[in-house]
Protein backbone atom coordinates (compact mmCIF):
# COMPACT_ATOMS: atom_id res chain seq x y z
CA MET A 1 0.00 0.00 0.00
CA ARG A 2 1.45 3.38 -1.00
CA PHE A 3 0.43 6.61 0.74
CA ARG A 4 0.64 10.15 -0.57
CA ARG A 5 3.60 11.93 1.03
CA THR A 6 4.31 15.53 1.85
CA LEU A 7 7.98 16.09 1.18
CA VAL A 8 10.33 18.30 3.16
CA THR A 9 12.09 20.48 0.60
CA ASP A 10 13.28 23.65 2.39
CA HIS A 11 16.97 24.47 2.22
CA GLY A 12 17.62 23.57 5.86
CA SER A 13 15.61 20.35 5.85
CA HIS A 14 18.59 18.03 6.25
CA ALA A 15 20.24 19.64 9.29
CA GLY A 16 19.45 19.26 12.97
CA VAL A 17 16.10 17.65 13.82
CA VAL A 18 14.73 16.11 10.63
CA PHE A 19 12.07 13.66 9.56
CA PRO A 20 13.38 10.15 8.96
CA LEU A 21 14.01 8.74 5.52
CA THR A 22 11.06 6.71 4.23
CA GLU A 23 11.70 5.01 0.90
CA GLY A 24 14.46 7.52 0.23
CA GLU A 25 12.34 10.57 1.11
CA ARG A 26 11.95 12.67 4.25
CA SER A 27 8.18 12.86 4.40
CA THR A 28 5.88 13.95 7.19
CA GLN A 29 2.74 11.84 6.74
CA PRO A 30 4.23 8.45 7.74
CA VAL A 31 5.59 10.01 10.93
CA GLY A 32 2.24 11.46 11.94
CA ARG A 33 0.44 8.16 11.40
CA HIS A 34 3.14 6.15 13.14
CA VAL A 35 3.36 8.35 16.25
CA ILE A 36 -0.41 8.47 16.79
CA SER A 37 -0.76 4.76 16.06
CA SER A 38 1.98 3.91 18.56
CA ALA A 39 0.56 6.26 21.19
CA THR A 40 -2.72 4.31 21.26
CA HIS A 41 -1.40 0.81 20.60
CA ARG A 42 -1.34 -0.42 24.21
CA VAL A 43 -4.74 1.13 24.92
CA ASP A 44 -6.84 0.21 21.88
CA THR A 45 -5.44 -1.85 19.02
CA ALA A 46 -8.38 -1.00 16.75
CA ALA A 47 -7.72 2.73 17.10
CA SER A 48 -4.01 2.13 16.63
CA ASP A 49 -4.55 0.07 13.47
CA ALA A 50 -6.97 2.63 12.05
CA ALA A 51 -4.39 5.43 12.42
CA ARG A 52 -1.64 3.24 10.97
CA ASP A 53 -3.71 2.33 7.91
CA GLU A 54 -5.22 5.76 7.25
CA GLN A 55 -4.63 6.53 3.56
CA ARG A 56 -5.86 10.15 3.66
CA TRP A 57 -4.03 11.31 6.76
CA TYR A 58 -4.01 15.03 6.00
CA ARG A 59 -7.76 14.99 5.47
CA ASN A 60 -8.84 12.51 8.14
CA TYR A 61 -6.35 13.01 10.97
CA PRO A 62 -9.03 14.73 13.14
CA VAL A 63 -10.85 11.38 13.39
CA HIS A 64 -7.80 9.77 14.98
CA TYR A 65 -6.99 12.68 17.30
CA ARG A 66 -10.57 12.69 18.50
CA GLU A 67 -10.43 8.98 19.24
CA MET A 68 -7.07 9.33 20.98
CA THR A 69 -8.50 12.08 23.19
CA ARG A 70 -11.50 9.91 24.04
CA LEU A 71 -9.18 7.09 25.05
CA SER A 72 -7.14 9.50 27.17
CA ALA A 73 -10.22 10.62 29.08
CA GLY A 74 -10.08 7.76 31.50
CA LEU A 75 -7.12 6.03 33.01
CA ASN A 76 -4.90 6.08 29.93
CA ALA A 77 -3.69 9.67 29.53
CA GLY A 78 -0.28 8.96 31.03
CA LEU A 79 0.24 5.76 29.04
CA ILE A 80 -0.67 7.44 25.75
CA ALA A 81 1.58 10.39 26.53
CA THR A 82 4.50 8.12 27.41
CA ASP A 83 4.20 6.01 24.27
CA GLY A 84 3.63 9.04 22.06
CA LEU A 85 6.75 10.82 23.27
CA THR A 86 8.87 7.67 23.16
CA THR A 87 7.85 6.96 19.57
CA LEU A 88 8.39 10.57 18.52
CA HIS A 89 11.97 10.59 19.78
CA GLU A 90 12.70 7.13 18.37
CA THR A 91 11.35 8.21 14.98
CA MET A 92 12.58 11.76 14.42
CA ARG A 93 16.29 12.13 13.68
CA PHE A 94 19.00 14.61 14.64
CA ARG A 95 21.40 15.02 11.74
CA ARG A 96 24.82 16.65 12.01
CA GLN A 97 27.80 16.26 9.69
CA GLY A 98 26.21 13.31 7.93
CA ALA A 99 25.53 11.28 11.09
CA GLU A 100 22.02 10.65 12.43
CA GLY A 101 20.59 9.61 15.78
CA SER A 102 17.84 10.70 18.14
CA ILE A 103 17.75 14.20 19.59
CA LEU A 104 18.03 12.70 23.07
CA GLU A 105 21.23 10.88 22.09
CA ALA A 106 22.64 14.07 20.57
CA ILE A 107 21.99 16.04 23.75
CA GLU A 108 23.72 13.37 25.84
CA VAL A 109 27.05 14.06 24.09
CA PRO A 110 29.18 16.46 26.20
CA ARG A 111 29.46 19.88 24.57
CA ALA A 112 32.03 22.62 24.64
CA HIS A 113 30.94 26.04 25.87
CA TYR A 114 29.59 27.05 22.51
CA LEU A 115 27.14 29.66 23.85
CA THR A 116 28.04 32.43 26.27
CA SER A 117 25.74 34.85 28.04
CA VAL A 118 25.10 38.52 28.54
CA THR A 119 22.54 39.99 30.93
CA ILE A 120 20.62 43.20 30.24
CA GLU A 121 19.41 45.11 33.29
CA GLY A 122 16.14 47.01 33.03
CA SER A 123 16.09 50.67 33.99
CA ALA A 124 12.49 51.11 35.11
CA PRO A 125 11.71 51.15 38.83
CA THR A 126 9.61 48.33 40.25
CA GLY A 127 6.30 50.01 40.91
CA ALA A 128 3.10 48.92 42.59
CA ALA A 129 1.81 46.06 40.48
CA GLU A 130 -1.74 46.09 39.17
CA LEU A 131 -3.39 43.53 36.96
CA LEU A 132 -4.22 44.96 33.56
CA LEU A 133 -6.08 43.10 30.82
CA HIS A 134 -7.35 44.14 27.40
CA ASP A 135 -10.87 44.28 26.02
CA ASP A 136 -10.66 44.48 22.22
CA GLY A 137 -7.37 46.34 22.52
CA ARG A 138 -8.56 48.67 25.28
CA PRO A 139 -6.75 48.30 28.63
CA VAL A 140 -9.00 47.60 31.61
CA ARG A 141 -8.27 47.34 35.33
CA GLY A 142 -10.03 47.39 38.68
CA ALA A 143 -13.84 47.27 38.63
CA GLU A 144 -13.92 47.39 34.84
CA LEU A 145 -11.67 44.33 34.72
CA HIS A 146 -14.09 42.42 36.94
CA ARG A 147 -17.00 43.39 34.69
CA LEU A 148 -15.01 42.05 31.73
CA LEU A 149 -14.49 38.74 33.53
CA ASP A 150 -18.21 38.55 34.30
CA ARG A 151 -18.97 39.08 30.62
CA TRP A 152 -16.52 36.39 29.55
CA VAL A 153 -18.25 33.88 31.80
CA ASP A 154 -21.75 34.98 30.79
CA ASP A 155 -21.08 34.76 27.06
CA GLY A 156 -19.09 31.51 27.33
CA THR A 157 -15.70 32.96 26.38
CA ALA A 158 -14.02 31.53 29.48
CA GLU A 159 -14.67 28.74 31.90
CA PRO A 160 -15.66 30.08 35.34
CA SER A 161 -12.40 28.76 36.81
CA ALA A 162 -10.41 31.07 34.49
CA ALA A 163 -12.30 34.12 35.71
CA GLU A 164 -11.91 33.00 39.32
CA ALA A 165 -8.15 32.64 38.85
CA LEU A 166 -7.85 36.16 37.40
CA ARG A 167 -9.99 37.66 40.16
CA LEU A 168 -7.79 35.97 42.75
CA LEU A 169 -4.68 37.34 41.06
CA ASP A 170 -6.14 40.84 40.96
CA GLY A 171 -6.70 40.62 44.71
CA GLN A 172 -3.08 39.57 45.32
CA PRO A 173 -0.97 42.37 43.78
CA ASP A 174 2.18 41.07 45.47
CA TRP A 175 1.97 38.02 43.18
CA LEU A 176 2.80 40.35 40.28
CA ASP A 177 6.19 41.12 41.78
CA LEU A 178 8.32 38.52 40.01
CA ARG A 179 11.71 39.68 41.22
CA GLY A 180 13.74 36.62 42.15
CA HIS A 181 11.93 34.35 39.66
CA THR A 182 13.59 33.11 36.47
CA PHE A 183 11.62 32.18 33.36
CA VAL A 184 13.21 30.56 30.32
CA VAL A 185 11.15 31.70 27.33
CA LEU A 186 11.78 29.47 24.33
CA GLY A 187 10.49 31.44 21.37
CA ALA A 188 10.95 34.78 23.12
CA GLY A 189 9.79 36.75 20.09
CA ALA A 190 6.58 34.77 19.62
CA GLU A 191 3.33 36.69 19.29
CA MET A 192 1.64 34.65 22.00
CA GLY A 193 4.54 34.53 24.45
CA PRO A 194 4.71 36.20 27.90
CA PHE A 195 8.07 37.93 27.30
CA ASP A 196 6.89 41.54 27.70
CA ALA A 197 4.55 40.85 30.61
CA LEU A 198 7.11 38.91 32.65
CA LEU A 199 9.69 41.67 32.28
CA SER A 200 7.12 44.31 33.21
CA TRP A 201 6.54 42.44 36.47
CA GLY A 202 10.26 42.38 37.28
CA ALA A 203 11.12 38.79 36.31
CA HIS A 204 14.48 37.51 35.18
CA VAL A 205 13.81 36.27 31.64
CA VAL A 206 16.21 33.94 29.86
CA ALA A 207 15.35 34.34 26.19
CA VAL A 208 15.94 31.87 23.38
CA ASP A 209 15.08 32.68 19.79
CA LEU A 210 16.59 32.49 16.33
CA PRO A 211 19.52 34.74 15.44
CA GLY A 212 18.39 37.99 13.86
CA SER A 213 19.35 41.46 14.97
CA THR A 214 15.89 42.99 14.38
CA THR A 215 14.16 40.57 16.76
CA TRP A 216 16.89 40.75 19.36
CA GLN A 217 17.08 44.54 19.24
CA ARG A 218 13.36 44.67 19.99
CA LEU A 219 13.72 42.23 22.88
CA ILE A 220 16.67 44.15 24.30
CA ASP A 221 14.82 47.48 24.00
CA THR A 222 11.85 45.97 25.86
CA ALA A 223 14.12 44.75 28.63
CA ARG A 224 15.86 48.13 28.95
CA ARG A 225 12.51 49.86 29.51
CA SER A 226 11.37 47.32 32.11
CA PRO A 227 12.13 46.62 35.77
CA GLY A 228 13.26 43.10 34.87
CA ARG A 229 16.45 41.40 33.71
CA LEU A 230 17.16 39.66 30.41
CA THR A 231 19.79 36.98 29.82
CA ILE A 232 20.70 36.29 26.21
CA PRO A 233 22.67 33.47 24.53
CA LEU A 234 25.58 34.75 22.45
CA ARG A 235 27.19 32.92 19.55
CA ARG A 236 30.47 34.82 19.69
CA ASP A 237 32.47 37.06 22.00
CA VAL A 238 31.30 40.69 22.09
CA GLY A 239 33.97 42.18 24.33
CA PRO A 240 33.70 43.64 27.83
CA HIS A 241 31.33 46.58 27.18
CA PRO A 242 29.31 45.89 24.04
CA THR A 243 26.56 48.16 22.76
CA ASP A 244 23.05 46.75 22.51
CA ALA A 245 23.39 46.73 18.73
CA VAL A 246 26.51 44.56 18.93
CA VAL A 247 24.75 42.19 21.34
CA ALA A 248 21.75 41.92 19.01
CA LEU A 249 24.00 40.90 16.13
CA ALA A 250 25.64 38.12 18.18
CA ALA A 251 22.50 36.88 19.96
CA GLY A 252 20.34 33.84 19.38
CA ALA A 253 20.43 30.13 18.68
CA ASP A 254 18.45 27.77 16.46
CA VAL A 255 16.89 25.02 18.55
CA VAL A 256 16.38 22.79 15.50
CA THR A 257 20.10 22.65 14.67
CA GLU A 258 21.63 23.64 18.02
CA ALA A 259 19.45 21.87 20.59
CA PRO A 260 22.44 20.15 22.26
CA GLU A 261 24.23 23.49 22.74
CA ILE A 262 21.09 25.20 24.03
CA ALA A 263 20.47 22.35 26.49
CA GLN A 264 24.05 22.61 27.78
CA TRP A 265 23.71 26.39 28.17
CA LEU A 266 20.46 26.09 30.11
CA LEU A 267 21.78 23.29 32.31
CA GLU A 268 24.47 25.64 33.60
CA LEU A 269 22.08 28.44 34.62
CA ASP A 270 21.24 29.07 38.26
CA GLY A 271 17.76 27.88 39.21
CA PRO A 272 15.04 27.22 39.86
CA LEU A 273 13.79 27.70 36.31
CA ILE A 274 10.33 27.80 34.78
CA VAL A 275 10.80 26.73 31.17
CA GLY A 276 8.12 27.94 28.78
CA ASP A 277 7.70 26.56 25.26
CA TYR A 278 6.21 29.26 22.98
CA VAL A 279 7.96 28.26 19.77
CA TYR A 280 5.94 28.25 16.56
CA ALA A 281 6.87 27.51 12.95
CA PRO A 282 4.75 26.90 9.86
CA GLY A 283 4.12 23.46 8.39
CA GLU A 284 6.48 20.57 8.94
CA MET A 285 9.00 22.82 10.68
CA HIS A 286 6.62 23.00 13.65
CA VAL A 287 7.06 19.28 14.30
CA ARG A 288 10.82 19.59 13.99
CA VAL A 289 11.08 22.52 16.37
CA SER A 290 8.66 20.93 18.87
CA THR A 291 10.70 17.74 18.85
CA ALA A 292 13.89 19.73 19.44
CA VAL A 293 12.37 21.76 22.27
CA ASP A 294 10.97 18.62 23.89
CA GLY A 295 14.41 17.05 23.74
CA VAL A 296 15.88 20.05 25.54
CA ILE A 297 13.11 19.92 28.14
CA GLU A 298 13.59 16.20 28.76
CA ALA A 299 17.30 16.79 29.32
CA LEU A 300 16.56 19.55 31.84
CA LEU A 301 13.99 17.44 33.68
CA THR A 302 16.33 14.44 33.77
CA ARG A 303 19.40 16.28 35.06
CA ARG A 304 17.84 18.92 37.31
CA SER A 305 15.20 18.82 40.03
CA ASP A 306 14.31 22.52 39.96
CA ILE A 307 12.49 22.73 36.61
CA GLY A 308 8.88 23.79 36.08
CA LEU A 309 7.14 23.85 32.70
CA ALA A 310 4.79 26.30 31.00
CA TYR A 311 2.81 25.88 27.80
CA LEU A 312 -0.16 27.37 25.97
CA ALA A 313 -2.70 24.84 24.72
CA THR A 314 -4.29 25.74 21.41
CA PRO A 315 -8.10 26.03 21.43
CA THR A 316 -8.27 24.38 17.99
CA ASP A 317 -7.63 20.87 19.27
CA THR A 318 -9.58 17.99 20.78
CA PHE A 319 -10.40 18.02 24.49
CA ALA A 320 -12.37 16.15 27.10
CA VAL A 321 -14.66 18.98 28.21
CA PRO A 322 -16.45 19.19 31.58
CA SER A 323 -20.09 18.11 31.43
CA GLU A 324 -21.24 21.60 32.47
CA ALA A 325 -19.73 23.19 29.37
CA ALA A 326 -20.93 20.42 27.06
CA SER A 327 -24.46 20.58 28.50
CA ALA A 328 -24.59 24.34 27.93
CA ALA A 329 -23.63 23.84 24.29
CA MET A 330 -26.17 21.06 23.82
CA LEU A 331 -28.91 23.19 25.31
CA GLU A 332 -28.05 26.08 23.01
CA TYR A 333 -28.10 23.76 20.01
CA GLU A 334 -31.64 22.71 20.86
CA GLY A 335 -32.68 26.35 20.55
CA THR A 336 -31.20 26.95 17.08
CA SER A 337 -33.41 28.56 14.47
CA PRO A 338 -35.48 26.83 11.76
CA MET A 339 -33.15 28.40 9.19
CA VAL A 340 -30.26 26.40 10.64
CA ALA A 341 -32.30 23.21 10.46
CA MET A 342 -33.13 23.98 6.81
CA ALA A 343 -29.46 24.60 5.98
CA ARG A 344 -28.51 21.33 7.61
CA GLY A 345 -31.10 19.45 5.60
CA LEU A 346 -30.01 20.99 2.31
CA ALA A 347 -26.34 20.21 3.02
CA GLY A 348 -26.90 16.62 4.10
CA ARG A 349 -26.28 17.47 7.75
CA LYS A 350 -22.65 18.32 7.03
CA VAL A 351 -23.02 21.89 8.29
CA PHE A 352 -24.15 23.26 11.65
CA ARG A 353 -23.39 19.93 13.27
CA PRO A 354 -23.84 19.82 17.05
CA ASN A 355 -20.70 20.52 19.04
CA TYR A 356 -21.46 17.50 21.21
CA PRO A 357 -23.74 14.87 19.63
CA SER A 358 -23.90 13.08 22.98
CA MET A 359 -22.35 13.00 26.42
CA LEU A 360 -19.70 10.37 27.11
CA THR A 361 -18.80 8.56 30.33
CA MET A 362 -15.36 7.82 31.76
CA PRO A 363 -14.62 4.50 33.50
CA THR A 364 -14.99 6.46 36.76
CA GLU A 365 -18.62 7.23 35.76
CA ARG A 366 -17.76 10.89 35.26
CA ARG A 367 -19.54 12.38 32.26
CA PHE A 368 -17.82 14.62 29.71
CA GLY A 369 -18.15 16.05 26.24
CA LEU A 370 -15.64 15.29 23.49
CA PHE A 371 -14.77 18.59 21.81
CA ASP A 372 -13.29 18.53 18.31
CA GLY A 373 -11.94 21.95 17.37
CA LEU A 374 -9.27 20.81 14.92
CA ILE A 375 -9.10 23.06 11.86
CA THR A 376 -7.72 21.18 8.88
CA GLN A 377 -6.34 24.41 7.40
CA GLN A 378 -3.83 24.40 10.27
CA GLY A 379 -2.77 20.91 9.30
CA ALA A 380 -1.75 17.59 10.78
CA ASN A 381 1.76 18.82 11.54
CA TYR A 382 0.36 21.61 13.72
CA ALA A 383 -1.83 19.09 15.55
CA LEU A 384 1.12 16.79 16.26
CA ALA A 385 3.39 19.62 17.40
CA LYS A 386 0.79 20.84 19.90
CA ARG A 387 0.04 17.30 21.07
CA VAL A 388 3.72 16.80 21.91
CA GLN A 389 3.40 19.67 24.40
CA ARG A 390 0.30 18.14 25.97
CA TRP A 391 2.00 14.78 26.28
CA ARG A 392 5.03 16.32 27.97
CA ALA A 393 2.78 18.25 30.36
CA ILE A 394 0.97 15.06 31.41
CA ARG A 395 4.15 13.04 31.77
CA SER A 396 5.99 15.72 33.74
CA ARG A 397 3.17 16.40 36.16
CA GLU A 398 2.83 12.67 36.82
CA ASP A 399 6.56 12.67 37.63
CA GLY A 400 6.10 15.47 40.17
CA ALA A 401 6.97 18.59 38.17
CA TRP A 402 5.10 21.89 38.33
CA VAL A 403 3.28 22.35 34.99
CA SER A 404 1.15 25.26 33.83
CA ILE A 405 -0.77 24.62 30.60
CA ASN A 406 -3.85 26.74 29.94
CA VAL A 407 -6.08 26.79 26.88
CA ALA A 408 -5.56 30.13 25.12
CA PRO A 409 -8.28 31.97 23.19
CA PRO A 410 -8.52 32.11 19.39
CA THR A 411 -6.19 34.93 18.40
CA ARG A 412 -5.58 36.92 15.22
CA THR A 413 -1.87 36.11 15.06
CA LEU A 414 0.17 36.57 11.89
CA SER A 415 -0.20 32.88 11.06
CA VAL A 416 -3.98 33.35 11.09
CA VAL A 417 -3.94 36.61 9.17
CA ASN A 418 -1.73 35.01 6.51
CA ASN A 419 -4.30 32.23 5.99
CA THR A 420 -7.08 33.82 3.91
CA LEU A 421 -9.77 31.35 4.98
CA LEU A 422 -8.93 31.46 8.68
CA GLU A 423 -8.71 35.23 8.72
CA ALA A 424 -12.13 35.57 7.10
CA ALA A 425 -13.60 32.92 9.42
CA TYR A 426 -12.26 34.72 12.50
CA LEU A 427 -13.70 38.01 11.24
CA GLY A 428 -17.13 36.41 10.85
CA SER A 429 -16.97 34.26 13.94
CA ARG A 430 -18.91 36.53 16.30
CA ARG A 431 -22.13 35.45 14.59
CA PHE A 432 -21.39 31.97 15.89
CA GLY A 433 -20.52 32.90 19.47
CA LEU A 434 -16.74 33.05 19.11
CA ASN A 435 -14.67 35.77 20.78
CA VAL A 436 -11.40 36.24 18.89
CA PHE A 437 -8.67 38.06 20.83
CA THR A 438 -5.96 40.42 19.64
CA PRO A 439 -2.40 39.15 20.18
CA GLN A 440 -1.84 41.79 22.87
CA ALA A 441 -4.96 40.73 24.76
CA SER A 442 -4.03 37.04 24.56
CA ARG A 443 -0.43 37.60 25.66
CA GLN A 444 -1.45 39.57 28.71
CA VAL A 445 -4.22 37.34 29.98
CA MET A 446 -2.27 34.12 29.45
CA ALA A 447 0.76 35.57 31.23
CA ALA A 448 -1.55 36.51 34.10
CA LEU A 449 -2.85 32.92 34.32
CA LEU A 450 0.76 31.69 34.35
CA VAL A 451 1.53 33.90 37.36
CA HIS A 452 -1.64 32.73 39.09
CA ASP A 453 -0.54 29.13 38.61
CA LEU A 454 2.84 29.93 40.09
CA PHE A 455 1.57 31.41 43.34
CA ASN A 456 -1.79 29.76 43.97
CA GLU A 457 -0.89 26.45 45.59
CA GLN A 458 -4.41 25.17 44.88
CA SER A 459 -3.87 25.52 41.13
CA VAL A 460 -3.78 22.29 39.12
CA ALA A 461 -0.28 23.30 37.99
CA HIS A 462 1.02 22.12 41.38
CA PRO A 463 1.65 18.36 41.45
CA GLY A 464 0.41 18.14 45.02
CA VAL A 465 -3.13 19.04 43.85
CA ALA A 466 -4.94 15.79 43.10
CA LEU A 467 -6.63 15.49 39.70
CA GLU A 468 -9.63 13.26 39.15
CA ASN A 469 -8.32 12.79 35.62
CA GLU A 470 -5.15 13.95 33.88
CA MET A 471 -7.29 15.69 31.26
CA ASP A 472 -8.35 18.15 33.98
CA LEU A 473 -4.93 19.74 33.53
CA PHE A 474 -6.35 21.30 30.34
CA ALA A 475 -9.98 21.80 31.39
CA ALA A 476 -9.14 24.04 34.36
CA GLN A 477 -8.97 27.77 33.58
CA ALA A 478 -9.67 27.29 29.87
CA LEU A 479 -10.10 30.57 28.02
CA HIS A 480 -11.36 29.05 24.78
CA GLY A 481 -13.14 32.07 23.35
CA GLY A 482 -16.52 30.29 23.28
CA LEU A 483 -15.45 27.23 21.29
CA TRP A 484 -16.32 24.77 24.04
CA ARG A 485 -19.74 26.24 24.82
CA GLY A 486 -20.88 27.06 21.29
CA PRO A 487 -23.72 25.03 19.76
CA TYR A 488 -21.87 24.04 16.57
CA GLN A 489 -18.84 21.92 15.83
CA PRO A 490 -16.29 24.48 14.60
CA ARG A 491 -15.40 22.86 11.25
CA SER A 492 -19.08 22.63 10.34
CA VAL A 493 -19.51 26.43 10.42
CA LEU A 494 -16.07 27.47 9.21
CA GLY A 495 -17.26 28.14 5.68
CA PHE A 496 -20.26 30.20 6.80
CA ALA A 497 -18.08 32.23 9.15
CA ALA A 498 -15.58 32.84 6.34
CA VAL A 499 -18.29 34.12 3.99
CA THR A 500 -19.62 36.40 6.71
CA GLY A 501 -16.11 37.62 7.43
CA ARG A 502 -15.42 38.43 3.78
CA PHE A 503 -18.59 40.51 3.60
CA SER A 504 -17.74 42.36 6.82
CA ARG A 505 -14.26 43.13 5.54
CA SER A 506 -15.43 44.42 2.14
């Protein structure tokens, strides 16, 4: 049986973390099928075989992710995560100077001090901290902030636990004084990352991003204006008193090709460290960079005992959703208009499908809804890269690490704006109950939830807090923008939202 392959053809495709050779080609589809099949093999052989034999992976992968999530919503989340990560690292290759092995093997090789450091001290005084969020780009605080949180809960933008966490943080202004705390931000220049917010609250930020003086000059300028500190990896010596421009030219490292050197550099930093993965790349590169970052994280967790982890879960994924949210969506679907019923009939029930056709039951008798928010325009590689983060979060928390992973809202990032269909769908999404955030609004609120998780010892981020199910790590404090509580399955209204968005833009 021969499957269609997506080939890796970019100029840097054969250096660092790469896809393995399959029949002489480095293709992505066999890896996606193999990793998901292996992740479910010990739990459900039928699901595993179905993923392995899927001939139209890039069209039908949501079916297999949905089934894997259903299987995880019981007693199997840790087992699936373990097998998924193991297979990923056994399958993906790290290539350097013609030799190939796993990324974990490459990181184990002792390294010379390839990267050095420079620390930038902020000049702003540490003032009285106050929680500030954004409402459609407008900053809000105090009583207005609390009204915004009430609205998010009322319109289904956020789960009540997310609003409660932000209210608690607002009542504890000393939590926003992050002096003495060190955050490693992998993907420091990312649109959705907490870089700016952490520095504004006085944190010590260790930044990792690709070389490029424009990005690094912006990061350095931000640090200079803040009350925080910024430590930067340098690729070459810059002398005793370099200017910021000289530092920007020498800064950065590529985790895909230099993961072993980055791991060595981070291992030598004083701790404790909270390591946040905010790296994004388009297409197949996202799997490569996520594999590299996960290799670095596994090395840190293995060799140090003072590592915490931070991630953002994408809302366009599959989740086991609390019964309260699923019931609200089902009730709203029952009240949909006759026009919707007519449209469904004309389209063979392929549009305006219910978000939750039925409620499911875990082995513990707990009921839940199975949410499928995967958007095929984002692709199977995006889904796998984000699932790697979820697997690592589950594994690490089971092993006793502190892990913060909150579902972030739909956001008009550059990757969305550059996708014509997604941009139009996001513009027209309000008609279907979706609240799309600006990047600034998402960055600030997700950074705030990260700080809440750090200081609130009752947060699910703390391994001492018992979870009824590992999937609760993602259900708590979800700020999904209305996706979980909307009446319709997102893919079934994507086209209608896109048409509406195109009209609103014209």
